[in-house]
Amino acid sequence: MNISAAVAERILELCKERNITVNKLSNMSGVTQSTVNDIVNHRAKNIGIVTIKKLCDGLEITITDFFDTDSFRKLEQELY
């Protein structure tokens, strides 16, 4: 799994845990719906940390909470 896929997976996981839609997350975080959709549909390849921070703020979690999962711990190095 690459970083973009891990971020998308984590966002969907957090939305499911909170029983909210991606659209609701967009409204809560101030990140445009198209940006969130691009992330979860794997169309965004370079997701900025500012965007992730805004999503975390909307979810009322820390960045540490966001990245503290096995998916991120097991990421392999990406070579371009």
C-alpha atoms as a PDB file:
ATOM      1  CA  MET A   1       0.000   0.000   0.000  1.00  0.00           C
ATOM      2  CA  ASN A   2       1.264   3.472  -0.804  1.00  0.00           C
ATOM      3  CA  ILE A   3       0.801   6.620   1.277  1.00  0.00           C
ATOM      4  CA  SER A   4      -2.106   7.959  -0.803  1.00  0.00           C
ATOM      5  CA  ALA A   5      -4.021   4.716  -0.422  1.00  0.00           C
ATOM      6  CA  ALA A   6      -3.289   4.626   3.311  1.00  0.00           C
ATOM      7  CA  VAL A   7      -4.600   8.177   3.745  1.00  0.00           C
ATOM      8  CA  ALA A   8      -7.749   7.365   1.759  1.00  0.00           C
ATOM      9  CA  GLU A   9      -8.305   4.206   3.804  1.00  0.00           C
ATOM     10  CA  ARG A  10      -7.846   6.087   7.075  1.00  0.00           C
ATOM     11  CA  ILE A  11     -10.279   8.852   6.098  1.00  0.00           C
ATOM     12  CA  LEU A  12     -12.945   6.314   5.157  1.00  0.00           C
ATOM     13  CA  GLU A  13     -12.299   4.386   8.367  1.00  0.00           C
ATOM     14  CA  LEU A  14     -12.703   7.512  10.494  1.00  0.00           C
ATOM     15  CA  CYS A  15     -15.878   8.537   8.659  1.00  0.00           C
ATOM     16  CA  LYS A  16     -17.338   5.078   9.203  1.00  0.00           C
ATOM     17  CA  GLU A  17     -16.429   5.137  12.921  1.00  0.00           C
ATOM     18  CA  ARG A  18     -18.214   8.472  13.307  1.00  0.00           C
ATOM     19  CA  ASN A  19     -21.106   7.525  11.012  1.00  0.00           C
ATOM     20  CA  ILE A  20     -20.536  10.539   8.761  1.00  0.00           C
ATOM     21  CA  THR A  21     -20.255  10.880   5.006  1.00  0.00           C
ATOM     22  CA  VAL A  22     -17.262  12.217   3.122  1.00  0.00           C
ATOM     23  CA  ASN A  23     -19.424  15.237   2.279  1.00  0.00           C
ATOM     24  CA  LYS A  24     -20.098  15.841   5.978  1.00  0.00           C
ATOM     25  CA  LEU A  25     -16.356  15.590   6.695  1.00  0.00           C
ATOM     26  CA  SER A  26     -15.759  18.161   3.979  1.00  0.00           C
ATOM     27  CA  ASN A  27     -18.194  20.558   5.650  1.00  0.00           C
ATOM     28  CA  MET A  28     -16.747  19.913   9.115  1.00  0.00           C
ATOM     29  CA  SER A  29     -13.157  20.476   8.016  1.00  0.00           C
ATOM     30  CA  GLY A  30     -13.401  23.246   5.449  1.00  0.00           C
ATOM     31  CA  VAL A  31     -11.750  21.077   2.800  1.00  0.00           C
ATOM     32  CA  THR A  32     -13.605  21.158  -0.508  1.00  0.00           C
ATOM     33  CA  GLN A  33     -15.743  18.160  -1.299  1.00  0.00           C
ATOM     34  CA  SER A  34     -13.894  17.648  -4.581  1.00  0.00           C
ATOM     35  CA  THR A  35     -10.558  17.459  -2.733  1.00  0.00           C
ATOM     36  CA  VAL A  36     -11.850  14.916  -0.210  1.00  0.00           C
ATOM     37  CA  ASN A  37     -13.454  12.904  -3.029  1.00  0.00           C
ATOM     38  CA  ASP A  38     -10.187  12.955  -4.981  1.00  0.00           C
ATOM     39  CA  ILE A  39      -8.341  11.655  -1.920  1.00  0.00           C
ATOM     40  CA  VAL A  40     -10.737   8.805  -1.126  1.00  0.00           C
ATOM     41  CA  ASN A  41     -11.092   7.848  -4.794  1.00  0.00           C
ATOM     42  CA  HIS A  42      -7.292   7.646  -5.212  1.00  0.00           C
ATOM     43  CA  ARG A  43      -7.126  10.522  -7.697  1.00  0.00           C
ATOM     44  CA  ALA A  44      -4.964  12.692  -5.409  1.00  0.00           C
ATOM     45  CA  LYS A  45      -1.370  11.508  -5.353  1.00  0.00           C
ATOM     46  CA  ASN A  46       0.332  14.218  -3.279  1.00  0.00           C
ATOM     47  CA  ILE A  47      -1.917  14.995  -0.347  1.00  0.00           C
ATOM     48  CA  GLY A  48      -0.601  17.944   1.597  1.00  0.00           C
ATOM     49  CA  ILE A  49      -0.103  17.863   5.338  1.00  0.00           C
ATOM     50  CA  VAL A  50      -2.148  21.085   5.636  1.00  0.00           C
ATOM     51  CA  THR A  51      -5.112  19.270   4.086  1.00  0.00           C
ATOM     52  CA  ILE A  52      -4.662  16.319   6.429  1.00  0.00           C
ATOM     53  CA  LYS A  53      -4.440  18.722   9.393  1.00  0.00           C
ATOM     54  CA  LYS A  54      -7.716  20.393   8.358  1.00  0.00           C
ATOM     55  CA  LEU A  55      -9.390  16.990   8.108  1.00  0.00           C
ATOM     56  CA  CYS A  56      -8.043  16.087  11.546  1.00  0.00           C
ATOM     57  CA  ASP A  57      -9.370  19.357  12.969  1.00  0.00           C
ATOM     58  CA  GLY A  58     -12.790  18.594  11.497  1.00  0.00           C
ATOM     59  CA  LEU A  59     -12.683  15.123  13.043  1.00  0.00           C
ATOM     60  CA  GLU A  60     -11.381  16.575  16.323  1.00  0.00           C
ATOM     61  CA  ILE A  61      -8.317  14.328  16.356  1.00  0.00           C
ATOM     62  CA  THR A  62      -4.604  15.023  16.303  1.00  0.00           C
ATOM     63  CA  ILE A  63      -2.323  14.311  13.386  1.00  0.00           C
ATOM     64  CA  THR A  64      -0.673  11.727  15.634  1.00  0.00           C
ATOM     65  CA  ASP A  65      -4.044   9.983  16.039  1.00  0.00           C
ATOM     66  CA  PHE A  66      -4.538  10.052  12.276  1.00  0.00           C
ATOM     67  CA  PHE A  67      -1.223   8.399  11.487  1.00  0.00           C
ATOM     68  CA  ASP A  68      -1.103   6.038  14.485  1.00  0.00           C
ATOM     69  CA  THR A  69      -2.265   2.901  12.649  1.00  0.00           C
ATOM     70  CA  ASP A  70      -0.687  -0.270  11.322  1.00  0.00           C
ATOM     71  CA  SER A  71      -1.313   0.900   7.753  1.00  0.00           C
ATOM     72  CA  PHE A  72       1.112   3.784   8.222  1.00  0.00           C
ATOM     73  CA  ARG A  73       3.605   1.796  10.280  1.00  0.00           C
ATOM     74  CA  LYS A  74       3.922  -0.801   7.523  1.00  0.00           C
ATOM     75  CA  LEU A  75       4.334   1.550   4.559  1.00  0.00           C
ATOM     76  CA  GLU A  76       7.166   0.714   2.256  1.00  0.00           C
ATOM     77  CA  GLN A  77       9.476   3.346   0.860  1.00  0.00           C
ATOM     78  CA  GLU A  78       8.128   4.826  -2.342  1.00  0.00           C
ATOM     79  CA  LEU A  79      10.653   5.388  -5.114  1.00  0.00           C
ATOM     80  CA  TYR A  80       9.684   7.577  -8.042  1.00  0.00           C
END
